[in-house]
């Protein structure tokens, strides 16, 4: 039997517990280089019961969602650097003459 439950519900539960930790880690390390292992240790110190690959998976998900950004400095050594995420502009209201009556 698999040690880790891999249902959508379990993934959502793990995401809800780990994503805030990763966001805090990204703020604390903004502009700094970090190794994937640094992130894993940070998360595992607070949530020791998670699968070791969960922080990496959730880091990628947060990037896809546009909540954080990072660059790969050295893939072989798992070295990354967080970048500042620019807020997405809110859609501007369109003048009424753009809409058909």
PDB file of N, CA and C in Angstrom:
ATOM      1  N   UNK A   1       0.838  -1.192   0.000  1.00  0.00           N
ATOM      2  CA  UNK A   1       0.000   0.000   0.000  1.00  0.00           C
ATOM      3  C   UNK A   1       0.878   1.248   0.000  1.00  0.00           C
ATOM      4  N   UNK A   2       0.459   2.254  -0.742  1.00  0.00           N
ATOM      5  CA  UNK A   2       1.217   3.498  -0.846  1.00  0.00           C
ATOM      6  C   UNK A   2       1.157   4.253   0.482  1.00  0.00           C
ATOM      7  N   UNK A   3       2.305   4.763   0.908  1.00  0.00           N
ATOM      8  CA  UNK A   3       2.386   5.488   2.174  1.00  0.00           C
ATOM      9  C   UNK A   3       1.630   6.817   2.121  1.00  0.00           C
ATOM     10  N   UNK A   4       1.556   7.426   0.939  1.00  0.00           N
ATOM     11  CA  UNK A   4       0.925   8.725   0.796  1.00  0.00           C
ATOM     12  C   UNK A   4      -0.361   8.600  -0.005  1.00  0.00           C
ATOM     13  N   UNK A   5      -1.418   9.201   0.481  1.00  0.00           N
ATOM     14  CA  UNK A   5      -2.704   9.233  -0.184  1.00  0.00           C
ATOM     15  C   UNK A   5      -2.608  10.254  -1.308  1.00  0.00           C
ATOM     16  N   UNK A   6      -2.976   9.870  -2.530  1.00  0.00           N
ATOM     17  CA  UNK A   6      -2.821  10.759  -3.675  1.00  0.00           C
ATOM     18  C   UNK A   6      -4.167  11.092  -4.316  1.00  0.00           C
ATOM     19  N   UNK A   7      -5.164  11.323  -3.495  1.00  0.00           N
ATOM     20  CA  UNK A   7      -6.475  11.701  -4.015  1.00  0.00           C
ATOM     21  C   UNK A   7      -6.515  13.212  -4.226  1.00  0.00           C
ATOM     22  N   UNK A   8      -7.444  13.692  -5.050  1.00  0.00           N
ATOM     23  CA  UNK A   8      -7.568  15.152  -5.215  1.00  0.00           C
ATOM     24  C   UNK A   8      -7.830  15.863  -3.893  1.00  0.00           C
ATOM     25  N   UNK A   9      -8.596  15.246  -3.022  1.00  0.00           N
ATOM     26  CA  UNK A   9      -8.884  15.862  -1.725  1.00  0.00           C
ATOM     27  C   UNK A   9      -7.618  16.002  -0.887  1.00  0.00           C
ATOM     28  N   UNK A  10      -6.791  14.951  -0.900  1.00  0.00           N
ATOM     29  CA  UNK A  10      -5.543  14.985  -0.135  1.00  0.00           C
ATOM     30  C   UNK A  10      -4.590  16.028  -0.705  1.00  0.00           C
ATOM     31  N   UNK A  11      -4.519  16.101  -2.035  1.00  0.00           N
ATOM     32  CA  UNK A  11      -3.654  17.107  -2.662  1.00  0.00           C
ATOM     33  C   UNK A  11      -4.107  18.515  -2.290  1.00  0.00           C
ATOM     34  N   UNK A  12      -5.422  18.738  -2.276  1.00  0.00           N
ATOM     35  CA  UNK A  12      -5.948  20.059  -1.902  1.00  0.00           C
ATOM     36  C   UNK A  12      -5.630  20.366  -0.445  1.00  0.00           C
ATOM     37  N   UNK A  13      -5.748  19.371   0.419  1.00  0.00           N
ATOM     38  CA  UNK A  13      -5.443  19.568   1.838  1.00  0.00           C
ATOM     39  C   UNK A  13      -3.974  19.919   2.026  1.00  0.00           C
ATOM     40  N   UNK A  14      -3.096  19.175   1.357  1.00  0.00           N
ATOM     41  CA  UNK A  14      -1.654  19.435   1.461  1.00  0.00           C
ATOM     42  C   UNK A  14      -1.330  20.811   0.888  1.00  0.00           C
ATOM     43  N   UNK A  15      -1.943  21.141  -0.254  1.00  0.00           N
ATOM     44  CA  UNK A  15      -1.715  22.447  -0.868  1.00  0.00           C
ATOM     45  C   UNK A  15      -2.095  23.558   0.111  1.00  0.00           C
ATOM     46  N   UNK A  16      -3.252  23.421   0.759  1.00  0.00           N
ATOM     47  CA  UNK A  16      -3.715  24.483   1.663  1.00  0.00           C
ATOM     48  C   UNK A  16      -2.798  24.654   2.867  1.00  0.00           C
ATOM     49  N   UNK A  17      -2.097  23.604   3.239  1.00  0.00           N
ATOM     50  CA  UNK A  17      -1.172  23.693   4.380  1.00  0.00           C
ATOM     51  C   UNK A  17       0.211  24.189   3.963  1.00  0.00           C
ATOM     52  N   UNK A  18       0.644  23.820   2.769  1.00  0.00           N
ATOM     53  CA  UNK A  18       2.018  24.112   2.346  1.00  0.00           C
ATOM     54  C   UNK A  18       2.140  25.416   1.554  1.00  0.00           C
ATOM     55  N   UNK A  19       1.155  25.751   0.738  1.00  0.00           N
ATOM     56  CA  UNK A  19       1.252  26.953  -0.100  1.00  0.00           C
ATOM     57  C   UNK A  19       1.561  28.211   0.712  1.00  0.00           C
ATOM     58  N   UNK A  20       0.893  28.437   1.860  1.00  0.00           N
ATOM     59  CA  UNK A  20       1.232  29.637   2.641  1.00  0.00           C
ATOM     60  C   UNK A  20       2.681  29.623   3.140  1.00  0.00           C
ATOM     61  N   UNK A  21       3.199  28.449   3.463  1.00  0.00           N
ATOM     62  CA  UNK A  21       4.592  28.356   3.911  1.00  0.00           C
ATOM     63  C   UNK A  21       5.545  28.717   2.771  1.00  0.00           C
ATOM     64  N   UNK A  22       5.239  28.231   1.585  1.00  0.00           N
ATOM     65  CA  UNK A  22       6.090  28.529   0.430  1.00  0.00           C
ATOM     66  C   UNK A  22       6.015  30.013   0.091  1.00  0.00           C
ATOM     67  N   UNK A  23       4.834  30.602   0.201  1.00  0.00           N
ATOM     68  CA  UNK A  23       4.700  32.036  -0.059  1.00  0.00           C
ATOM     69  C   UNK A  23       5.528  32.844   0.949  1.00  0.00           C
ATOM     70  N   UNK A  24       5.502  32.447   2.205  1.00  0.00           N
ATOM     71  CA  UNK A  24       6.313  33.120   3.225  1.00  0.00           C
ATOM     72  C   UNK A  24       7.794  32.958   2.918  1.00  0.00           C
ATOM     73  N   UNK A  25       8.196  31.744   2.548  1.00  0.00           N
ATOM     74  CA  UNK A  25       9.590  31.475   2.178  1.00  0.00           C
ATOM     75  C   UNK A  25      10.002  32.375   1.006  1.00  0.00           C
ATOM     76  N   UNK A  26       9.103  32.553   0.029  1.00  0.00           N
ATOM     77  CA  UNK A  26       9.441  33.375  -1.133  1.00  0.00           C
ATOM     78  C   UNK A  26       9.610  34.846  -0.758  1.00  0.00           C
ATOM     79  N   UNK A  27       8.795  35.332   0.168  1.00  0.00           N
ATOM     80  CA  UNK A  27       8.919  36.725   0.627  1.00  0.00           C
ATOM     81  C   UNK A  27      10.213  36.901   1.421  1.00  0.00           C
ATOM     82  N   UNK A  28      10.480  35.951   2.311  1.00  0.00           N
ATOM     83  CA  UNK A  28      11.693  36.022   3.133  1.00  0.00           C
ATOM     84  C   UNK A  28      12.963  35.915   2.294  1.00  0.00           C
ATOM     85  N   UNK A  29      12.858  35.294   1.123  1.00  0.00           N
ATOM     86  CA  UNK A  29      14.035  35.065   0.273  1.00  0.00           C
ATOM     87  C   UNK A  29      13.935  35.787  -1.065  1.00  0.00           C
ATOM     88  N   UNK A  30      13.125  36.824  -1.125  1.00  0.00           N
ATOM     89  CA  UNK A  30      12.945  37.571  -2.375  1.00  0.00           C
ATOM     90  C   UNK A  30      14.281  38.065  -2.903  1.00  0.00           C
ATOM     91  N   UNK A  31      14.548  37.746  -4.155  1.00  0.00           N
ATOM     92  CA  UNK A  31      15.781  38.170  -4.804  1.00  0.00           C
ATOM     93  C   UNK A  31      17.005  37.345  -4.448  1.00  0.00           C
ATOM     94  N   UNK A  32      16.853  36.412  -3.511  1.00  0.00           N
ATOM     95  CA  UNK A  32      17.987  35.591  -3.080  1.00  0.00           C
ATOM     96  C   UNK A  32      17.963  34.239  -3.792  1.00  0.00           C
ATOM     97  N   UNK A  33      19.137  33.656  -3.930  1.00  0.00           N
ATOM     98  CA  UNK A  33      19.225  32.307  -4.469  1.00  0.00           C
ATOM     99  C   UNK A  33      18.950  31.304  -3.354  1.00  0.00           C
ATOM    100  N   UNK A  34      18.335  30.193  -3.729  1.00  0.00           N
ATOM    101  CA  UNK A  34      18.073  29.130  -2.762  1.00  0.00           C
ATOM    102  C   UNK A  34      18.111  27.789  -3.475  1.00  0.00           C
ATOM    103  N   UNK A  35      18.411  26.767  -2.717  1.00  0.00           N
ATOM    104  CA  UNK A  35      18.378  25.401  -3.241  1.00  0.00           C
ATOM    105  C   UNK A  35      17.022  24.793  -2.920  1.00  0.00           C
ATOM    106  N   UNK A  36      16.567  23.876  -3.758  1.00  0.00           N
ATOM    107  CA  UNK A  36      15.294  23.199  -3.515  1.00  0.00           C
ATOM    108  C   UNK A  36      15.295  22.555  -2.131  1.00  0.00           C
ATOM    109  N   UNK A  37      16.427  22.068  -1.701  1.00  0.00           N
ATOM    110  CA  UNK A  37      16.519  21.435  -0.379  1.00  0.00           C
ATOM    111  C   UNK A  37      16.264  22.442   0.738  1.00  0.00           C
ATOM    112  N   UNK A  38      16.646  23.697   0.550  1.00  0.00           N
ATOM    113  CA  UNK A  38      16.354  24.736   1.548  1.00  0.00           C
ATOM    114  C   UNK A  38      14.846  24.893   1.729  1.00  0.00           C
ATOM    115  N   UNK A  39      14.129  24.909   0.602  1.00  0.00           N
ATOM    116  CA  UNK A  39      12.674  25.026   0.659  1.00  0.00           C
ATOM    117  C   UNK A  39      12.071  23.796   1.338  1.00  0.00           C
ATOM    118  N   UNK A  40      12.531  22.610   0.954  1.00  0.00           N
ATOM    119  CA  UNK A  40      12.011  21.378   1.567  1.00  0.00           C
ATOM    120  C   UNK A  40      12.210  21.388   3.074  1.00  0.00           C
ATOM    121  N   UNK A  41      13.389  21.755   3.519  1.00  0.00           N
ATOM    122  CA  UNK A  41      13.672  21.796   4.969  1.00  0.00           C
ATOM    123  C   UNK A  41      12.770  22.800   5.683  1.00  0.00           C
ATOM    124  N   UNK A  42      12.576  23.950   5.068  1.00  0.00           N
ATOM    125  CA  UNK A  42      11.728  24.990   5.647  1.00  0.00           C
ATOM    126  C   UNK A  42      10.306  24.460   5.834  1.00  0.00           C
ATOM    127  N   UNK A  43       9.768  23.844   4.804  1.00  0.00           N
ATOM    128  CA  UNK A  43       8.394  23.331   4.871  1.00  0.00           C
ATOM    129  C   UNK A  43       8.309  22.139   5.822  1.00  0.00           C
ATOM    130  N   UNK A  44       9.248  21.217   5.730  1.00  0.00           N
ATOM    131  CA  UNK A  44       9.210  20.015   6.574  1.00  0.00           C
ATOM    132  C   UNK A  44       9.390  20.345   8.057  1.00  0.00           C
ATOM    133  N   UNK A  45      10.017  21.460   8.361  1.00  0.00           N
ATOM    134  CA  UNK A  45      10.165  21.858   9.764  1.00  0.00           C
ATOM    135  C   UNK A  45       8.810  22.171  10.391  1.00  0.00           C
ATOM    136  N   UNK A  46       7.870  22.628   9.577  1.00  0.00           N
ATOM    137  CA  UNK A  46       6.535  22.971  10.066  1.00  0.00           C
ATOM    138  C   UNK A  46       5.539  21.840   9.813  1.00  0.00           C
ATOM    139  N   UNK A  47       5.673  21.177   8.684  1.00  0.00           N
ATOM    140  CA  UNK A  47       4.752  20.105   8.278  1.00  0.00           C
ATOM    141  C   UNK A  47       5.550  18.830   8.008  1.00  0.00           C
ATOM    142  N   UNK A  48       6.010  18.144   9.046  1.00  0.00           N
ATOM    143  CA  UNK A  48       6.889  16.983   8.853  1.00  0.00           C
ATOM    144  C   UNK A  48       6.217  15.759   8.249  1.00  0.00           C
ATOM    145  N   UNK A  49       4.908  15.720   8.195  1.00  0.00           N
ATOM    146  CA  UNK A  49       4.198  14.544   7.714  1.00  0.00           C
ATOM    147  C   UNK A  49       3.948  14.525   6.206  1.00  0.00           C
ATOM    148  N   UNK A  50       4.410  15.533   5.483  1.00  0.00           N
ATOM    149  CA  UNK A  50       4.139  15.588   4.047  1.00  0.00           C
ATOM    150  C   UNK A  50       5.164  14.782   3.261  1.00  0.00           C
ATOM    151  N   UNK A  51       4.802  14.448   2.032  1.00  0.00           N
ATOM    152  CA  UNK A  51       5.723  13.757   1.131  1.00  0.00           C
ATOM    153  C   UNK A  51       6.863  14.704   0.773  1.00  0.00           C
ATOM    154  N   UNK A  52       8.078  14.192   0.658  1.00  0.00           N
ATOM    155  CA  UNK A  52       9.234  15.055   0.368  1.00  0.00           C
ATOM    156  C   UNK A  52       9.113  15.853  -0.936  1.00  0.00           C
ATOM    157  N   UNK A  53       8.383  15.340  -1.920  1.00  0.00           N
ATOM    158  CA  UNK A  53       8.248  16.041  -3.192  1.00  0.00           C
ATOM    159  C   UNK A  53       7.155  17.087  -3.221  1.00  0.00           C
ATOM    160  N   UNK A  54       6.342  17.156  -2.166  1.00  0.00           N
ATOM    161  CA  UNK A  54       5.220  18.101  -2.153  1.00  0.00           C
ATOM    162  C   UNK A  54       5.646  19.565  -2.262  1.00  0.00           C
ATOM    163  N   UNK A  55       6.670  20.016  -1.540  1.00  0.00           N
ATOM    164  CA  UNK A  55       7.062  21.432  -1.695  1.00  0.00           C
ATOM    165  C   UNK A  55       7.443  21.784  -3.137  1.00  0.00           C
ATOM    166  N   UNK A  56       8.151  20.895  -3.818  1.00  0.00           N
ATOM    167  CA  UNK A  56       8.525  21.158  -5.210  1.00  0.00           C
ATOM    168  C   UNK A  56       7.292  21.262  -6.094  1.00  0.00           C
ATOM    169  N   UNK A  57       6.374  20.331  -5.912  1.00  0.00           N
ATOM    170  CA  UNK A  57       5.150  20.301  -6.722  1.00  0.00           C
ATOM    171  C   UNK A  57       4.322  21.560  -6.486  1.00  0.00           C
ATOM    172  N   UNK A  58       4.181  21.953  -5.240  1.00  0.00           N
ATOM    173  CA  UNK A  58       3.369  23.124  -4.919  1.00  0.00           C
ATOM    174  C   UNK A  58       4.075  24.406  -5.346  1.00  0.00           C
ATOM    175  N   UNK A  59       5.394  24.444  -5.274  1.00  0.00           N
ATOM    176  CA  UNK A  59       6.148  25.591  -5.784  1.00  0.00           C
ATOM    177  C   UNK A  59       5.837  25.795  -7.265  1.00  0.00           C
ATOM    178  N   UNK A  60       5.852  24.709  -8.038  1.00  0.00           N
ATOM    179  CA  UNK A  60       5.537  24.809  -9.470  1.00  0.00           C
ATOM    180  C   UNK A  60       4.082  25.253  -9.684  1.00  0.00           C
ATOM    181  N   UNK A  61       3.166  24.744  -8.867  1.00  0.00           N
ATOM    182  CA  UNK A  61       1.753  25.128  -8.991  1.00  0.00           C
ATOM    183  C   UNK A  61       1.572  26.621  -8.712  1.00  0.00           C
ATOM    184  N   UNK A  62       2.231  27.125  -7.687  1.00  0.00           N
ATOM    185  CA  UNK A  62       2.134  28.550  -7.352  1.00  0.00           C
ATOM    186  C   UNK A  62       2.672  29.410  -8.488  1.00  0.00           C
ATOM    187  N   UNK A  63       3.705  28.921  -9.145  1.00  0.00           N
ATOM    188  CA  UNK A  63       4.260  29.644 -10.286  1.00  0.00           C
ATOM    189  C   UNK A  63       3.257  29.653 -11.439  1.00  0.00           C
ATOM    190  N   UNK A  64       2.639  28.509 -11.706  1.00  0.00           N
ATOM    191  CA  UNK A  64       1.640  28.437 -12.774  1.00  0.00           C
ATOM    192  C   UNK A  64       0.453  29.343 -12.493  1.00  0.00           C
ATOM    193  N   UNK A  65       0.099  29.487 -11.235  1.00  0.00           N
ATOM    194  CA  UNK A  65      -1.013  30.350 -10.840  1.00  0.00           C
ATOM    195  C   UNK A  65      -0.632  31.826 -10.886  1.00  0.00           C
ATOM    196  N   UNK A  66       0.654  32.123 -11.059  1.00  0.00           N
ATOM    197  CA  UNK A  66       1.107  33.505 -11.094  1.00  0.00           C
ATOM    198  C   UNK A  66       1.250  34.134  -9.725  1.00  0.00           C
ATOM    199  N   UNK A  67       1.236  33.314  -8.682  1.00  0.00           N
ATOM    200  CA  UNK A  67       1.345  33.843  -7.317  1.00  0.00           C
ATOM    201  C   UNK A  67       2.789  34.122  -6.928  1.00  0.00           C
ATOM    202  N   UNK A  68       3.742  33.469  -7.580  1.00  0.00           N
ATOM    203  CA  UNK A  68       5.162  33.747  -7.362  1.00  0.00           C
ATOM    204  C   UNK A  68       5.903  33.404  -8.634  1.00  0.00           C
ATOM    205  N   UNK A  69       7.143  33.839  -8.711  1.00  0.00           N
ATOM    206  CA  UNK A  69       7.960  33.552  -9.884  1.00  0.00           C
ATOM    207  C   UNK A  69       9.382  33.310  -9.430  1.00  0.00           C
ATOM    208  N   UNK A  70      10.073  32.483 -10.174  1.00  0.00           N
ATOM    209  CA  UNK A  70      11.470  32.194  -9.885  1.00  0.00           C
ATOM    210  C   UNK A  70      12.164  31.815 -11.178  1.00  0.00           C
ATOM    211  N   UNK A  71      13.475  31.914 -11.160  1.00  0.00           N
ATOM    212  CA  UNK A  71      14.287  31.474 -12.289  1.00  0.00           C
ATOM    213  C   UNK A  71      15.166  30.330 -11.813  1.00  0.00           C
ATOM    214  N   UNK A  72      15.483  29.458 -12.753  1.00  0.00           N
ATOM    215  CA  UNK A  72      16.387  28.351 -12.462  1.00  0.00           C
ATOM    216  C   UNK A  72      17.794  28.859 -12.747  1.00  0.00           C
ATOM    217  N   UNK A  73      18.612  28.936 -11.719  1.00  0.00           N
ATOM    218  CA  UNK A  73      19.994  29.394 -11.862  1.00  0.00           C
ATOM    219  C   UNK A  73      20.878  28.231 -12.297  1.00  0.00           C
ATOM    220  N   UNK A  74      20.698  27.085 -11.654  1.00  0.00           N
ATOM    221  CA  UNK A  74      21.502  25.889 -11.936  1.00  0.00           C
ATOM    222  C   UNK A  74      20.631  24.651 -11.694  1.00  0.00           C
ATOM    223  N   UNK A  75      20.072  24.111 -12.779  1.00  0.00           N
ATOM    224  CA  UNK A  75      19.153  22.979 -12.658  1.00  0.00           C
ATOM    225  C   UNK A  75      19.838  21.769 -12.028  1.00  0.00           C
ATOM    226  N   UNK A  76      21.069  21.518 -12.413  1.00  0.00           N
ATOM    227  CA  UNK A  76      21.801  20.357 -11.901  1.00  0.00           C
ATOM    228  C   UNK A  76      21.938  20.384 -10.377  1.00  0.00           C
ATOM    229  N   UNK A  77      22.132  21.575  -9.837  1.00  0.00           N
ATOM    230  CA  UNK A  77      22.293  21.733  -8.390  1.00  0.00           C
ATOM    231  C   UNK A  77      21.011  22.232  -7.713  1.00  0.00           C
ATOM    232  N   UNK A  78      19.913  22.230  -8.454  1.00  0.00           N
ATOM    233  CA  UNK A  78      18.616  22.672  -7.914  1.00  0.00           C
ATOM    234  C   UNK A  78      18.712  24.044  -7.253  1.00  0.00           C
ATOM    235  N   UNK A  79      19.337  24.977  -7.955  1.00  0.00           N
ATOM    236  CA  UNK A  79      19.525  26.338  -7.450  1.00  0.00           C
ATOM    237  C   UNK A  79      18.569  27.280  -8.175  1.00  0.00           C
ATOM    238  N   UNK A  80      17.778  28.019  -7.399  1.00  0.00           N
ATOM    239  CA  UNK A  80      16.752  28.906  -7.925  1.00  0.00           C
ATOM    240  C   UNK A  80      16.899  30.303  -7.340  1.00  0.00           C
ATOM    241  N   UNK A  81      16.144  31.232  -7.921  1.00  0.00           N
ATOM    242  CA  UNK A  81      16.083  32.581  -7.367  1.00  0.00           C
ATOM    243  C   UNK A  81      14.672  33.115  -7.587  1.00  0.00           C
ATOM    244  N   UNK A  82      14.061  33.614  -6.509  1.00  0.00           N
ATOM    245  CA  UNK A  82      12.734  34.202  -6.623  1.00  0.00           C
ATOM    246  C   UNK A  82      12.822  35.541  -7.324  1.00  0.00           C
ATOM    247  N   UNK A  83      11.819  35.827  -8.129  1.00  0.00           N
ATOM    248  CA  UNK A  83      11.683  37.134  -8.760  1.00  0.00           C
ATOM    249  C   UNK A  83      10.437  37.799  -8.213  1.00  0.00           C
ATOM    250  N   UNK A  84      10.395  39.098  -8.336  1.00  0.00           N
ATOM    251  CA  UNK A  84       9.234  39.858  -7.887  1.00  0.00           C
ATOM    252  C   UNK A  84       8.114  39.651  -8.903  1.00  0.00           C
ATOM    253  N   UNK A  85       6.943  39.308  -8.414  1.00  0.00           N
ATOM    254  CA  UNK A  85       5.790  39.131  -9.283  1.00  0.00           C
ATOM    255  C   UNK A  85       5.077  40.457  -9.412  1.00  0.00           C
ATOM    256  N   UNK A  86       4.889  40.874 -10.643  1.00  0.00           N
ATOM    257  CA  UNK A  86       4.153  42.114 -10.896  1.00  0.00           C
ATOM    258  C   UNK A  86       2.664  41.815 -10.832  1.00  0.00           C
ATOM    259  N   UNK A  87       1.913  42.608 -10.076  1.00  0.00           N
ATOM    260  CA  UNK A  87       0.469  42.368 -10.022  1.00  0.00           C
ATOM    261  C   UNK A  87      -0.151  42.523 -11.404  1.00  0.00           C
ATOM    262  N   UNK A  88      -1.100  41.654 -11.689  1.00  0.00           N
ATOM    263  CA  UNK A  88      -1.785  41.726 -12.969  1.00  0.00           C
ATOM    264  C   UNK A  88      -2.751  42.901 -12.930  1.00  0.00           C
ATOM    265  N   UNK A  89      -2.776  43.708 -13.995  1.00  0.00           N
ATOM    266  CA  UNK A  89      -3.682  44.861 -14.002  1.00  0.00           C
ATOM    267  C   UNK A  89      -5.134  44.397 -14.013  1.00  0.00           C
ATOM    268  N   UNK A  90      -5.965  45.135 -13.323  1.00  0.00           N
ATOM    269  CA  UNK A  90      -7.398  44.848 -13.327  1.00  0.00           C
ATOM    270  C   UNK A  90      -7.962  45.272 -14.666  1.00  0.00           C
ATOM    271  N   UNK A  91      -8.928  44.512 -15.158  1.00  0.00           N
ATOM    272  CA  UNK A  91      -9.535  44.941 -16.427  1.00  0.00           C
ATOM    273  C   UNK A  91     -10.239  46.279 -16.244  1.00  0.00           C
ATOM    274  N   UNK A  92     -10.050  47.131 -17.202  1.00  0.00           N
ATOM    275  CA  UNK A  92     -10.661  48.457 -17.156  1.00  0.00           C
ATOM    276  C   UNK A  92     -12.094  48.367 -17.658  1.00  0.00           C
ATOM    277  N   UNK A  93     -13.005  49.091 -17.013  1.00  0.00           N
ATOM    278  CA  UNK A  93     -14.381  49.090 -17.505  1.00  0.00           C
ATOM    279  C   UNK A  93     -14.426  49.672 -18.916  1.00  0.00           C
ATOM    280  N   UNK A  94     -15.210  49.074 -19.753  1.00  0.00           N
ATOM    281  CA  UNK A  94     -15.321  49.527 -21.135  1.00  0.00           C
ATOM    282  C   UNK A  94     -16.439  50.558 -21.251  1.00  0.00           C
ATOM    283  N   UNK A  95     -16.209  51.594 -22.042  1.00  0.00           N
ATOM    284  CA  UNK A  95     -17.280  52.571 -22.255  1.00  0.00           C
ATOM    285  C   UNK A  95     -18.496  51.882 -22.863  1.00  0.00           C
ATOM    286  N   UNK A  96     -19.662  52.430 -22.561  1.00  0.00           N
ATOM    287  CA  UNK A  96     -20.901  51.798 -22.994  1.00  0.00           C
ATOM    288  C   UNK A  96     -21.031  51.724 -24.512  1.00  0.00           C
ATOM    289  N   UNK A  97     -20.327  52.582 -25.267  1.00  0.00           N
ATOM    290  CA  UNK A  97     -20.469  52.535 -26.722  1.00  0.00           C
ATOM    291  C   UNK A  97     -19.828  51.294 -27.341  1.00  0.00           C
ATOM    292  N   UNK A  98     -19.115  50.486 -26.518  1.00  0.00           N
ATOM    293  CA  UNK A  98     -18.568  49.227 -27.016  1.00  0.00           C
ATOM    294  C   UNK A  98     -19.613  48.103 -26.981  1.00  0.00           C
ATOM    295  N   UNK A  99     -20.687  48.336 -26.286  1.00  0.00           N
ATOM    296  CA  UNK A  99     -21.693  47.292 -26.128  1.00  0.00           C
ATOM    297  C   UNK A  99     -22.876  47.566 -27.052  1.00  0.00           C
ATOM    298  N   UNK A 100     -23.428  46.525 -27.597  1.00  0.00           N
ATOM    299  CA  UNK A 100     -24.598  46.672 -28.479  1.00  0.00           C
ATOM    300  C   UNK A 100     -25.830  46.939 -27.631  1.00  0.00           C
ATOM    301  N   UNK A 101     -26.718  47.653 -28.199  1.00  0.00           N
ATOM    302  CA  UNK A 101     -27.984  47.935 -27.506  1.00  0.00           C
ATOM    303  C   UNK A 101     -29.098  47.203 -28.149  1.00  0.00           C
TER     304      UNK A 101
END
